[in-house]
Amino acid sequence: MWDQQFEEILRPLLPFLPADEKLEEDAGLRDFGLDSLGMVELLATLESSYDVRFRDDALTLDTFATPSLLWNALTTVREPVG
């Protein structure tokens, strides 16, 4: 499961997710209103907040499909190389 900061970054970009509803790991982010502009904003905020850079191969619609997939991609870029 992700940390609180991740959810605090993600939730404002999901206008169709009620504030009192739990964000499920397999929730369809696009179903909850994450659009292409939101994805760009989300990417920039995650990179800035976690001091990481996503590799180009991680920048796909699949990466942004669910909170779980996005968290896994973020976790991967946060791991030290080597």
Protein backbone atom coordinates (compact mmCIF):
# COMPACT_ATOMS: atom_id res chain seq x y z
CA MET A 1 0.00 0.00 0.00
CA TRP A 2 1.12 3.56 -0.64
CA ASP A 3 1.99 6.32 1.80
CA GLN A 4 -0.26 9.22 2.81
CA GLN A 5 1.62 11.73 0.65
CA PHE A 6 0.88 9.72 -2.49
CA GLU A 7 -2.85 9.74 -1.80
CA GLU A 8 -2.79 13.45 -0.93
CA ILE A 9 -1.21 14.14 -4.32
CA LEU A 10 -3.54 11.83 -6.24
CA ARG A 11 -6.97 12.57 -4.73
CA PRO A 12 -7.34 16.19 -5.92
CA LEU A 13 -6.86 14.97 -9.51
CA LEU A 14 -9.80 12.54 -9.21
CA PRO A 15 -12.87 14.78 -9.34
CA PHE A 16 -15.32 11.85 -9.55
CA LEU A 17 -14.03 10.11 -6.41
CA PRO A 18 -16.18 11.11 -3.43
CA ALA A 19 -14.14 12.54 -0.56
CA ASP A 20 -15.46 9.94 1.86
CA GLU A 21 -14.81 6.97 -0.46
CA LYS A 22 -11.73 4.83 0.08
CA LEU A 23 -9.26 4.88 -2.79
CA GLU A 24 -8.98 1.23 -3.76
CA GLU A 25 -5.77 -0.23 -5.19
CA ASP A 26 -7.47 -1.31 -8.41
CA ALA A 27 -9.62 1.81 -8.91
CA GLY A 28 -9.63 2.99 -12.50
CA LEU A 29 -8.04 6.42 -12.31
CA ARG A 30 -9.52 7.51 -15.62
CA ASP A 31 -12.95 6.37 -14.41
CA PHE A 32 -12.57 8.80 -11.51
CA GLY A 33 -11.68 11.69 -13.81
CA LEU A 34 -7.91 11.59 -14.28
CA ASP A 35 -7.40 13.06 -17.75
CA SER A 36 -4.27 13.67 -19.82
CA LEU A 37 -3.66 17.11 -18.30
CA GLY A 38 -4.10 15.60 -14.84
CA MET A 39 -1.58 12.87 -15.70
CA VAL A 40 1.02 15.49 -16.64
CA GLU A 41 0.34 17.42 -13.44
CA LEU A 42 0.45 14.20 -11.41
CA LEU A 43 3.73 13.14 -12.99
CA ALA A 44 5.36 16.51 -12.29
CA THR A 45 4.11 16.57 -8.71
CA LEU A 46 5.24 13.01 -7.99
CA GLU A 47 8.69 13.68 -9.45
CA SER A 48 9.05 16.86 -7.42
CA SER A 49 7.62 15.49 -4.18
CA TYR A 50 9.60 12.25 -4.21
CA ASP A 51 12.71 13.69 -5.91
CA VAL A 52 12.65 11.10 -8.69
CA ARG A 53 12.50 10.96 -12.49
CA PHE A 54 10.27 8.51 -14.30
CA ARG A 55 11.94 6.80 -17.24
CA ASP A 56 10.30 7.17 -20.62
CA ASP A 57 9.20 3.51 -20.67
CA ALA A 58 7.13 4.16 -17.52
CA LEU A 59 5.20 6.98 -19.16
CA THR A 60 2.32 4.94 -20.54
CA LEU A 61 -1.42 4.94 -19.97
CA ASP A 62 -1.01 1.57 -18.25
CA THR A 63 1.19 3.13 -15.56
CA PHE A 64 -1.60 5.57 -14.76
CA ALA A 65 -4.42 2.99 -14.90
CA THR A 66 -4.75 2.33 -11.15
CA PRO A 67 -3.24 3.67 -7.93
CA SER A 68 -1.48 0.34 -7.41
CA LEU A 69 0.23 0.37 -10.81
CA LEU A 70 1.26 3.99 -10.38
CA TRP A 71 2.61 3.35 -6.87
CA ASN A 72 4.58 0.34 -8.18
CA ALA A 73 6.12 2.50 -10.91
CA LEU A 74 6.99 5.19 -8.35
CA THR A 75 8.48 2.61 -6.01
CA THR A 76 10.62 1.26 -8.84
CA VAL A 77 12.13 4.66 -9.66
CA ARG A 78 12.73 5.36 -5.96
CA GLU A 79 14.85 2.23 -5.48
CA PRO A 80 18.59 2.83 -5.61
CA VAL A 81 20.35 1.47 -8.64
CA GLY A 82 23.09 -0.91 -8.17
